[in-house]
Amino acid sequence: MSSTAATSPTPPAAPEPHATPGRPAQAARPSALNLSRTTATAARALRQLRHDPRTIALMILVPCVMLVLLRYVFDGSPGTFDSIGASLLGIFPLITMFLVTSIATLRERTSGTLERLLAMPMGKGDLIAGYALAFGALAIIQSTLATGLAVWVLGLDVTGSPWLLLLVALLDALLGTALGLFVSAFAASEFQAVQFMPAVIFPQLLLCGLFTPRSDMHPVLEAISDVLPMSYAVDAMNEVLRHTDMTAIFVRDVLIVAGSALLVLGLGAATLRRRTP
């Protein structure tokens, strides 16, 4: 047999990971969420927050302080506090978690931390889920303190179970966390992250039914309010105020708020950038 006989072709070598000078090579992206990567990200975020007492105070204490102020603003008419206190019990945590989460996530990106993490075998979903888990743990503490303060210290009168009130407050805080993670992808500075608040939070605050029933609004505004998650958070709080048992409307509202939070988290994972230009 001739020594020059044809041999089977050698498969081409796999291309090297793309690397930019001054930046680490990007590893292949994992295809699915991984529990260990997610929990590791959450633990790292909590360790960082532990060294930032001002941020912890903002997340945990500010909603409680706002509720105390609200209670004594309406000191002469306790019924007013009862009618709007439950709604604001969910709105205050949403706003504070939105602000803190958007700024903290943006700071991670501008400092290059996200770029270094994404160069590792870690997907965007792992990062978003890890941050959501870390801030969600603080949201549980925040919502529990605010609900306990409102019901058992400030005398908020609710017909239903305070535990249902706590559930809605917690979901609102998680929704604020998801919105903060999402909008941080579109901000180039912490100042811009704060500027998103009038665009994302204020319209929901005006149209959620806190100031007037949504059915009394202009039909166009009522239609817009029907697609805003804060509207269903306020509706769920009102269901707890008026009914002793869990109603079908309450279940619907809670599922919509929870689904909105999951949807926004998915959008946050899809739009997360490695680094701010």
C-alpha atoms as a PDB file:
ATOM      1  CA  MET A   1       0.000   0.000   0.000  1.00  0.00           C
ATOM      2  CA  SER A   2       1.369   3.415  -0.906  1.00  0.00           C
ATOM      3  CA  SER A   3       2.709   5.550   1.918  1.00  0.00           C
ATOM      4  CA  THR A   4       0.925   8.477   0.377  1.00  0.00           C
ATOM      5  CA  ALA A   5      -2.470   6.918   0.885  1.00  0.00           C
ATOM      6  CA  ALA A   6      -5.157   9.379   1.843  1.00  0.00           C
ATOM      7  CA  THR A   7      -5.873   9.709   5.520  1.00  0.00           C
ATOM      8  CA  SER A   8      -9.078  10.909   7.155  1.00  0.00           C
ATOM      9  CA  PRO A   9      -9.209  14.684   7.452  1.00  0.00           C
ATOM     10  CA  THR A  10      -8.445  16.135  10.847  1.00  0.00           C
ATOM     11  CA  PRO A  11     -11.359  18.138  12.277  1.00  0.00           C
ATOM     12  CA  PRO A  12     -10.620  21.847  12.579  1.00  0.00           C
ATOM     13  CA  ALA A  13      -9.631  23.110  16.001  1.00  0.00           C
ATOM     14  CA  ALA A  14     -12.280  24.895  18.003  1.00  0.00           C
ATOM     15  CA  PRO A  15     -11.974  28.670  17.728  1.00  0.00           C
ATOM     16  CA  GLU A  16     -10.461  30.459  20.663  1.00  0.00           C
ATOM     17  CA  PRO A  17     -12.814  32.500  22.845  1.00  0.00           C
ATOM     18  CA  HIS A  18     -12.985  36.059  21.663  1.00  0.00           C
ATOM     19  CA  ALA A  19     -10.857  38.336  23.764  1.00  0.00           C
ATOM     20  CA  THR A  20     -10.449  42.055  23.573  1.00  0.00           C
ATOM     21  CA  PRO A  21      -7.170  43.640  24.718  1.00  0.00           C
ATOM     22  CA  GLY A  22      -7.562  44.655  28.322  1.00  0.00           C
ATOM     23  CA  ARG A  23     -10.643  42.474  28.793  1.00  0.00           C
ATOM     24  CA  PRO A  24     -10.897  38.830  29.836  1.00  0.00           C
ATOM     25  CA  ALA A  25     -11.953  36.264  27.264  1.00  0.00           C
ATOM     26  CA  GLN A  26     -15.670  35.584  27.340  1.00  0.00           C
ATOM     27  CA  ALA A  27     -16.512  32.044  28.386  1.00  0.00           C
ATOM     28  CA  ALA A  28     -19.280  30.061  26.784  1.00  0.00           C
ATOM     29  CA  ARG A  29     -22.599  31.098  28.188  1.00  0.00           C
ATOM     30  CA  PRO A  30     -24.416  28.500  30.311  1.00  0.00           C
ATOM     31  CA  SER A  31     -27.743  27.535  28.812  1.00  0.00           C
ATOM     32  CA  ALA A  32     -29.777  27.333  32.022  1.00  0.00           C
ATOM     33  CA  LEU A  33     -29.974  28.666  35.532  1.00  0.00           C
ATOM     34  CA  ASN A  34     -27.726  26.932  38.018  1.00  0.00           C
ATOM     35  CA  LEU A  35     -28.605  26.869  41.715  1.00  0.00           C
ATOM     36  CA  SER A  36     -25.027  26.988  42.969  1.00  0.00           C
ATOM     37  CA  ARG A  37     -24.098  29.926  40.724  1.00  0.00           C
ATOM     38  CA  THR A  38     -27.262  31.774  41.702  1.00  0.00           C
ATOM     39  CA  THR A  39     -26.779  31.290  45.436  1.00  0.00           C
ATOM     40  CA  ALA A  40     -23.096  32.232  45.164  1.00  0.00           C
ATOM     41  CA  THR A  41     -24.097  35.494  43.467  1.00  0.00           C
ATOM     42  CA  ALA A  42     -26.707  36.170  46.147  1.00  0.00           C
ATOM     43  CA  ALA A  43     -24.190  35.495  48.923  1.00  0.00           C
ATOM     44  CA  ARG A  44     -21.666  37.877  47.349  1.00  0.00           C
ATOM     45  CA  ALA A  45     -24.307  40.625  47.010  1.00  0.00           C
ATOM     46  CA  LEU A  46     -25.333  40.184  50.661  1.00  0.00           C
ATOM     47  CA  ARG A  47     -21.702  40.380  51.794  1.00  0.00           C
ATOM     48  CA  GLN A  48     -21.333  43.665  49.947  1.00  0.00           C
ATOM     49  CA  LEU A  49     -24.557  45.035  51.439  1.00  0.00           C
ATOM     50  CA  ARG A  50     -23.376  44.072  54.924  1.00  0.00           C
ATOM     51  CA  HIS A  51     -20.598  46.633  54.573  1.00  0.00           C
ATOM     52  CA  ASP A  52     -23.039  49.355  53.455  1.00  0.00           C
ATOM     53  CA  PRO A  53     -25.202  50.173  56.503  1.00  0.00           C
ATOM     54  CA  ARG A  54     -26.685  53.268  54.877  1.00  0.00           C
ATOM     55  CA  THR A  55     -28.188  51.205  52.067  1.00  0.00           C
ATOM     56  CA  ILE A  56     -29.563  48.667  54.536  1.00  0.00           C
ATOM     57  CA  ALA A  57     -31.088  51.482  56.584  1.00  0.00           C
ATOM     58  CA  LEU A  58     -32.650  52.971  53.444  1.00  0.00           C
ATOM     59  CA  MET A  59     -34.257  49.673  52.474  1.00  0.00           C
ATOM     60  CA  ILE A  60     -35.461  48.581  55.896  1.00  0.00           C
ATOM     61  CA  LEU A  61     -36.141  51.736  57.901  1.00  0.00           C
ATOM     62  CA  VAL A  62     -37.402  54.299  55.381  1.00  0.00           C
ATOM     63  CA  PRO A  63     -40.770  52.558  54.692  1.00  0.00           C
ATOM     64  CA  CYS A  64     -41.345  52.302  58.458  1.00  0.00           C
ATOM     65  CA  VAL A  65     -40.532  55.979  58.957  1.00  0.00           C
ATOM     66  CA  MET A  66     -42.876  56.951  56.112  1.00  0.00           C
ATOM     67  CA  LEU A  67     -45.715  54.933  57.656  1.00  0.00           C
ATOM     68  CA  VAL A  68     -45.202  56.627  61.042  1.00  0.00           C
ATOM     69  CA  LEU A  69     -45.286  60.047  59.379  1.00  0.00           C
ATOM     70  CA  LEU A  70     -48.412  59.110  57.456  1.00  0.00           C
ATOM     71  CA  ARG A  71     -50.148  57.895  60.603  1.00  0.00           C
ATOM     72  CA  TYR A  72     -49.630  61.157  62.450  1.00  0.00           C
ATOM     73  CA  VAL A  73     -50.305  63.356  59.438  1.00  0.00           C
ATOM     74  CA  PHE A  74     -53.851  61.937  59.664  1.00  0.00           C
ATOM     75  CA  ASP A  75     -53.872  61.898  63.458  1.00  0.00           C
ATOM     76  CA  GLY A  76     -57.211  63.737  63.542  1.00  0.00           C
ATOM     77  CA  SER A  77     -58.890  61.295  61.133  1.00  0.00           C
ATOM     78  CA  PRO A  78     -57.735  57.714  61.740  1.00  0.00           C
ATOM     79  CA  GLY A  79     -60.185  56.460  59.127  1.00  0.00           C
ATOM     80  CA  THR A  80     -58.134  58.130  56.403  1.00  0.00           C
ATOM     81  CA  PHE A  81     -55.031  56.276  57.525  1.00  0.00           C
ATOM     82  CA  ASP A  82     -56.998  53.031  57.460  1.00  0.00           C
ATOM     83  CA  SER A  83     -58.192  53.674  53.901  1.00  0.00           C
ATOM     84  CA  ILE A  84     -54.827  54.542  52.323  1.00  0.00           C
ATOM     85  CA  GLY A  85     -52.322  53.115  54.796  1.00  0.00           C
ATOM     86  CA  ALA A  86     -52.602  49.574  53.461  1.00  0.00           C
ATOM     87  CA  SER A  87     -52.022  50.718  49.885  1.00  0.00           C
ATOM     88  CA  LEU A  88     -48.974  52.746  50.855  1.00  0.00           C
ATOM     89  CA  LEU A  89     -47.734  49.786  52.877  1.00  0.00           C
ATOM     90  CA  GLY A  90     -47.121  48.145  49.517  1.00  0.00           C
ATOM     91  CA  ILE A  91     -46.069  51.231  47.578  1.00  0.00           C
ATOM     92  CA  PHE A  92     -43.328  52.426  49.948  1.00  0.00           C
ATOM     93  CA  PRO A  93     -41.337  49.146  49.779  1.00  0.00           C
ATOM     94  CA  LEU A  94     -41.724  49.060  45.995  1.00  0.00           C
ATOM     95  CA  ILE A  95     -40.240  52.545  45.634  1.00  0.00           C
ATOM     96  CA  THR A  96     -37.317  52.005  48.013  1.00  0.00           C
ATOM     97  CA  MET A  97     -36.396  48.629  46.507  1.00  0.00           C
ATOM     98  CA  PHE A  98     -36.571  50.131  43.011  1.00  0.00           C
ATOM     99  CA  LEU A  99     -34.154  52.922  43.913  1.00  0.00           C
ATOM    100  CA  VAL A 100     -31.666  50.813  45.845  1.00  0.00           C
ATOM    101  CA  THR A 101     -31.618  47.915  43.378  1.00  0.00           C
ATOM    102  CA  SER A 102     -31.215  50.062  40.273  1.00  0.00           C
ATOM    103  CA  ILE A 103     -28.339  52.053  41.774  1.00  0.00           C
ATOM    104  CA  ALA A 104     -26.577  49.029  43.293  1.00  0.00           C
ATOM    105  CA  THR A 105     -26.743  47.042  40.044  1.00  0.00           C
ATOM    106  CA  LEU A 106     -25.538  50.004  37.999  1.00  0.00           C
ATOM    107  CA  ARG A 107     -22.612  50.444  40.382  1.00  0.00           C
ATOM    108  CA  GLU A 108     -21.648  46.805  39.816  1.00  0.00           C
ATOM    109  CA  ARG A 109     -21.578  47.378  36.067  1.00  0.00           C
ATOM    110  CA  THR A 110     -19.724  50.706  36.044  1.00  0.00           C
ATOM    111  CA  SER A 111     -17.054  49.305  38.366  1.00  0.00           C
ATOM    112  CA  GLY A 112     -16.416  46.403  35.985  1.00  0.00           C
ATOM    113  CA  THR A 113     -17.634  43.755  38.427  1.00  0.00           C
ATOM    114  CA  LEU A 114     -20.349  42.473  36.104  1.00  0.00           C
ATOM    115  CA  GLU A 115     -17.877  42.192  33.238  1.00  0.00           C
ATOM    116  CA  ARG A 116     -15.513  40.067  35.337  1.00  0.00           C
ATOM    117  CA  LEU A 117     -18.387  37.867  36.541  1.00  0.00           C
ATOM    118  CA  LEU A 118     -19.758  37.351  33.036  1.00  0.00           C
ATOM    119  CA  ALA A 119     -16.278  36.288  31.868  1.00  0.00           C
ATOM    120  CA  MET A 120     -16.718  33.289  34.163  1.00  0.00           C
ATOM    121  CA  PRO A 121     -19.011  30.310  33.426  1.00  0.00           C
ATOM    122  CA  MET A 122     -22.032  32.277  34.600  1.00  0.00           C
ATOM    123  CA  GLY A 123     -25.048  33.393  32.645  1.00  0.00           C
ATOM    124  CA  LYS A 124     -27.002  36.616  32.851  1.00  0.00           C
ATOM    125  CA  GLY A 125     -29.920  34.696  34.312  1.00  0.00           C
ATOM    126  CA  ASP A 126     -27.720  33.483  37.181  1.00  0.00           C
ATOM    127  CA  LEU A 127     -26.682  37.052  37.958  1.00  0.00           C
ATOM    128  CA  ILE A 128     -30.183  38.492  37.822  1.00  0.00           C
ATOM    129  CA  ALA A 129     -31.615  35.626  39.870  1.00  0.00           C
ATOM    130  CA  GLY A 130     -28.805  35.968  42.414  1.00  0.00           C
ATOM    131  CA  TYR A 131     -29.346  39.699  42.848  1.00  0.00           C
ATOM    132  CA  ALA A 132     -33.105  39.158  43.055  1.00  0.00           C
ATOM    133  CA  LEU A 133     -32.562  36.505  45.735  1.00  0.00           C
ATOM    134  CA  ALA A 134     -30.284  38.776  47.784  1.00  0.00           C
ATOM    135  CA  PHE A 135     -32.516  41.824  47.609  1.00  0.00           C
ATOM    136  CA  GLY A 136     -35.555  39.599  48.055  1.00  0.00           C
ATOM    137  CA  ALA A 137     -34.184  38.444  51.417  1.00  0.00           C
ATOM    138  CA  LEU A 138     -33.973  42.071  52.504  1.00  0.00           C
ATOM    139  CA  ALA A 139     -37.449  42.665  51.082  1.00  0.00           C
ATOM    140  CA  ILE A 140     -38.804  39.976  53.415  1.00  0.00           C
ATOM    141  CA  ILE A 141     -37.304  41.767  56.428  1.00  0.00           C
ATOM    142  CA  GLN A 142     -38.503  45.131  55.159  1.00  0.00           C
ATOM    143  CA  SER A 143     -42.082  43.991  54.481  1.00  0.00           C
ATOM    144  CA  THR A 144     -42.344  42.118  57.787  1.00  0.00           C
ATOM    145  CA  LEU A 145     -41.229  45.142  59.820  1.00  0.00           C
ATOM    146  CA  ALA A 146     -43.453  47.573  57.899  1.00  0.00           C
ATOM    147  CA  THR A 147     -46.535  45.338  58.143  1.00  0.00           C
ATOM    148  CA  GLY A 148     -46.010  44.611  61.836  1.00  0.00           C
ATOM    149  CA  LEU A 149     -45.506  48.310  62.560  1.00  0.00           C
ATOM    150  CA  ALA A 150     -48.622  49.360  60.629  1.00  0.00           C
ATOM    151  CA  VAL A 151     -50.959  46.724  62.080  1.00  0.00           C
ATOM    152  CA  TRP A 152     -49.777  46.194  65.653  1.00  0.00           C
ATOM    153  CA  VAL A 153     -48.179  49.548  66.527  1.00  0.00           C
ATOM    154  CA  LEU A 154     -49.889  52.198  64.395  1.00  0.00           C
ATOM    155  CA  GLY A 155     -53.298  50.546  64.623  1.00  0.00           C
ATOM    156  CA  LEU A 156     -54.039  49.986  60.938  1.00  0.00           C
ATOM    157  CA  ASP A 157     -57.519  48.443  60.895  1.00  0.00           C
ATOM    158  CA  VAL A 158     -57.828  45.606  58.390  1.00  0.00           C
ATOM    159  CA  THR A 159     -60.775  43.241  58.024  1.00  0.00           C
ATOM    160  CA  GLY A 160     -58.750  40.402  56.529  1.00  0.00           C
ATOM    161  CA  SER A 161     -55.653  38.610  57.740  1.00  0.00           C
ATOM    162  CA  PRO A 162     -52.488  40.679  58.316  1.00  0.00           C
ATOM    163  CA  TRP A 163     -50.580  37.782  56.735  1.00  0.00           C
ATOM    164  CA  LEU A 164     -52.300  38.490  53.417  1.00  0.00           C
ATOM    165  CA  LEU A 165     -51.289  42.108  53.822  1.00  0.00           C
ATOM    166  CA  LEU A 166     -47.710  40.954  54.369  1.00  0.00           C
ATOM    167  CA  LEU A 167     -47.860  38.768  51.254  1.00  0.00           C
ATOM    168  CA  VAL A 168     -48.857  41.699  49.039  1.00  0.00           C
ATOM    169  CA  ALA A 169     -46.242  43.988  50.624  1.00  0.00           C
ATOM    170  CA  LEU A 170     -43.568  41.369  49.962  1.00  0.00           C
ATOM    171  CA  LEU A 171     -44.639  40.922  46.335  1.00  0.00           C
ATOM    172  CA  ASP A 172     -44.576  44.691  45.876  1.00  0.00           C
ATOM    173  CA  ALA A 173     -41.036  44.844  47.236  1.00  0.00           C
ATOM    174  CA  LEU A 174     -39.985  42.039  44.879  1.00  0.00           C
ATOM    175  CA  LEU A 175     -41.649  43.881  41.991  1.00  0.00           C
ATOM    176  CA  GLY A 176     -39.651  46.989  42.888  1.00  0.00           C
ATOM    177  CA  THR A 177     -36.489  44.860  42.916  1.00  0.00           C
ATOM    178  CA  ALA A 178     -37.288  43.465  39.467  1.00  0.00           C
ATOM    179  CA  LEU A 179     -38.025  46.916  38.040  1.00  0.00           C
ATOM    180  CA  GLY A 180     -34.776  48.273  39.500  1.00  0.00           C
ATOM    181  CA  LEU A 181     -32.741  45.448  37.943  1.00  0.00           C
ATOM    182  CA  PHE A 182     -34.453  46.048  34.606  1.00  0.00           C
ATOM    183  CA  VAL A 183     -34.011  49.818  34.337  1.00  0.00           C
ATOM    184  CA  SER A 184     -30.385  49.674  35.510  1.00  0.00           C
ATOM    185  CA  ALA A 185     -29.496  48.262  32.083  1.00  0.00           C
ATOM    186  CA  PHE A 186     -30.527  51.542  30.428  1.00  0.00           C
ATOM    187  CA  ALA A 187     -28.770  53.977  32.782  1.00  0.00           C
ATOM    188  CA  ALA A 188     -25.196  55.167  32.317  1.00  0.00           C
ATOM    189  CA  SER A 189     -24.850  56.760  35.764  1.00  0.00           C
ATOM    190  CA  GLU A 190     -26.463  56.649  39.179  1.00  0.00           C
ATOM    191  CA  PHE A 191     -28.097  60.001  38.455  1.00  0.00           C
ATOM    192  CA  GLN A 192     -29.737  58.548  35.348  1.00  0.00           C
ATOM    193  CA  ALA A 193     -30.947  55.569  37.376  1.00  0.00           C
ATOM    194  CA  VAL A 194     -32.729  57.960  39.746  1.00  0.00           C
ATOM    195  CA  GLN A 195     -34.190  59.802  36.743  1.00  0.00           C
ATOM    196  CA  PHE A 196     -36.016  56.626  35.702  1.00  0.00           C
ATOM    197  CA  MET A 197     -38.182  56.893  38.797  1.00  0.00           C
ATOM    198  CA  PRO A 198     -40.504  59.610  37.379  1.00  0.00           C
ATOM    199  CA  ALA A 199     -40.907  57.558  34.204  1.00  0.00           C
ATOM    200  CA  VAL A 200     -41.456  54.156  35.794  1.00  0.00           C
ATOM    201  CA  ILE A 201     -42.923  54.761  39.266  1.00  0.00           C
ATOM    202  CA  PHE A 202     -44.826  58.063  39.203  1.00  0.00           C
ATOM    203  CA  PRO A 203     -47.307  57.149  36.413  1.00  0.00           C
ATOM    204  CA  GLN A 204     -48.168  53.941  38.276  1.00  0.00           C
ATOM    205  CA  LEU A 205     -48.542  55.904  41.513  1.00  0.00           C
ATOM    206  CA  LEU A 206     -51.009  58.314  39.913  1.00  0.00           C
ATOM    207  CA  LEU A 207     -53.032  55.658  38.075  1.00  0.00           C
ATOM    208  CA  CYS A 208     -53.087  52.830  40.635  1.00  0.00           C
ATOM    209  CA  GLY A 209     -56.324  53.980  42.283  1.00  0.00           C
ATOM    210  CA  LEU A 210     -54.728  55.427  45.403  1.00  0.00           C
ATOM    211  CA  PHE A 211     -56.103  58.928  44.904  1.00  0.00           C
ATOM    212  CA  THR A 212     -59.358  58.097  43.153  1.00  0.00           C
ATOM    213  CA  PRO A 213     -61.082  54.877  42.040  1.00  0.00           C
ATOM    214  CA  ARG A 214     -59.794  53.762  38.679  1.00  0.00           C
ATOM    215  CA  SER A 215     -63.352  53.452  37.398  1.00  0.00           C
ATOM    216  CA  ASP A 216     -63.742  57.237  37.834  1.00  0.00           C
ATOM    217  CA  MET A 217     -60.765  58.032  35.591  1.00  0.00           C
ATOM    218  CA  HIS A 218     -60.890  58.963  31.924  1.00  0.00           C
ATOM    219  CA  PRO A 219     -61.397  55.765  29.901  1.00  0.00           C
ATOM    220  CA  VAL A 220     -57.955  56.088  28.310  1.00  0.00           C
ATOM    221  CA  LEU A 221     -56.261  56.417  31.690  1.00  0.00           C
ATOM    222  CA  GLU A 222     -58.333  53.577  33.089  1.00  0.00           C
ATOM    223  CA  ALA A 223     -57.197  51.359  30.212  1.00  0.00           C
ATOM    224  CA  ILE A 224     -53.565  52.271  30.879  1.00  0.00           C
ATOM    225  CA  SER A 225     -53.977  51.554  34.587  1.00  0.00           C
ATOM    226  CA  ASP A 226     -55.284  48.086  33.715  1.00  0.00           C
ATOM    227  CA  VAL A 227     -51.829  47.067  32.438  1.00  0.00           C
ATOM    228  CA  LEU A 228     -49.785  48.569  35.295  1.00  0.00           C
ATOM    229  CA  PRO A 229     -48.836  46.107  38.058  1.00  0.00           C
ATOM    230  CA  MET A 230     -49.118  48.639  40.877  1.00  0.00           C
ATOM    231  CA  SER A 231     -52.855  48.908  40.171  1.00  0.00           C
ATOM    232  CA  TYR A 232     -53.305  45.241  41.058  1.00  0.00           C
ATOM    233  CA  ALA A 233     -51.127  45.610  44.159  1.00  0.00           C
ATOM    234  CA  VAL A 234     -53.426  48.370  45.444  1.00  0.00           C
ATOM    235  CA  ASP A 235     -56.514  46.339  44.505  1.00  0.00           C
ATOM    236  CA  ALA A 236     -55.156  43.358  46.460  1.00  0.00           C
ATOM    237  CA  MET A 237     -54.546  45.537  49.527  1.00  0.00           C
ATOM    238  CA  ASN A 238     -58.095  46.873  49.291  1.00  0.00           C
ATOM    239  CA  GLU A 239     -59.444  43.315  49.126  1.00  0.00           C
ATOM    240  CA  VAL A 240     -57.706  42.553  52.438  1.00  0.00           C
ATOM    241  CA  LEU A 241     -59.176  45.733  53.953  1.00  0.00           C
ATOM    242  CA  ARG A 242     -62.754  44.840  52.995  1.00  0.00           C
ATOM    243  CA  HIS A 243     -63.039  41.053  53.216  1.00  0.00           C
ATOM    244  CA  THR A 244     -62.329  38.612  55.988  1.00  0.00           C
ATOM    245  CA  ASP A 245     -61.480  35.741  53.631  1.00  0.00           C
ATOM    246  CA  MET A 246     -59.254  35.405  50.600  1.00  0.00           C
ATOM    247  CA  THR A 247     -61.326  36.330  47.541  1.00  0.00           C
ATOM    248  CA  ALA A 248     -60.946  35.315  43.916  1.00  0.00           C
ATOM    249  CA  ILE A 249     -60.120  38.911  43.028  1.00  0.00           C
ATOM    250  CA  PHE A 250     -57.330  38.899  45.621  1.00  0.00           C
ATOM    251  CA  VAL A 251     -55.853  35.717  44.151  1.00  0.00           C
ATOM    252  CA  ARG A 252     -56.025  37.195  40.652  1.00  0.00           C
ATOM    253  CA  ASP A 253     -54.311  40.404  41.753  1.00  0.00           C
ATOM    254  CA  VAL A 254     -51.547  38.560  43.621  1.00  0.00           C
ATOM    255  CA  LEU A 255     -50.854  36.322  40.619  1.00  0.00           C
ATOM    256  CA  ILE A 256     -50.658  39.341  38.309  1.00  0.00           C
ATOM    257  CA  VAL A 257     -48.177  41.134  40.595  1.00  0.00           C
ATOM    258  CA  ALA A 258     -46.053  37.990  40.959  1.00  0.00           C
ATOM    259  CA  GLY A 259     -46.193  37.306  37.230  1.00  0.00           C
ATOM    260  CA  SER A 260     -45.202  40.900  36.465  1.00  0.00           C
ATOM    261  CA  ALA A 261     -42.173  40.578  38.742  1.00  0.00           C
ATOM    262  CA  LEU A 262     -41.085  37.365  36.990  1.00  0.00           C
ATOM    263  CA  LEU A 263     -41.625  38.909  33.562  1.00  0.00           C
ATOM    264  CA  VAL A 264     -39.572  41.989  34.414  1.00  0.00           C
ATOM    265  CA  LEU A 265     -36.790  39.779  35.857  1.00  0.00           C
ATOM    266  CA  GLY A 266     -36.696  37.917  32.549  1.00  0.00           C
ATOM    267  CA  LEU A 267     -36.474  41.198  30.650  1.00  0.00           C
ATOM    268  CA  GLY A 268     -33.711  42.302  33.013  1.00  0.00           C
ATOM    269  CA  ALA A 269     -31.699  39.179  32.229  1.00  0.00           C
ATOM    270  CA  ALA A 270     -32.200  39.729  28.491  1.00  0.00           C
ATOM    271  CA  THR A 271     -31.116  43.384  28.552  1.00  0.00           C
ATOM    272  CA  LEU A 272     -28.270  43.153  31.092  1.00  0.00           C
ATOM    273  CA  ARG A 273     -25.099  44.674  29.667  1.00  0.00           C
ATOM    274  CA  ARG A 274     -21.578  43.625  30.596  1.00  0.00           C
ATOM    275  CA  ARG A 275     -20.335  47.156  30.985  1.00  0.00           C
ATOM    276  CA  THR A 276     -21.515  50.753  30.683  1.00  0.00           C
ATOM    277  CA  PRO A 277     -20.069  52.332  27.502  1.00  0.00           C
END
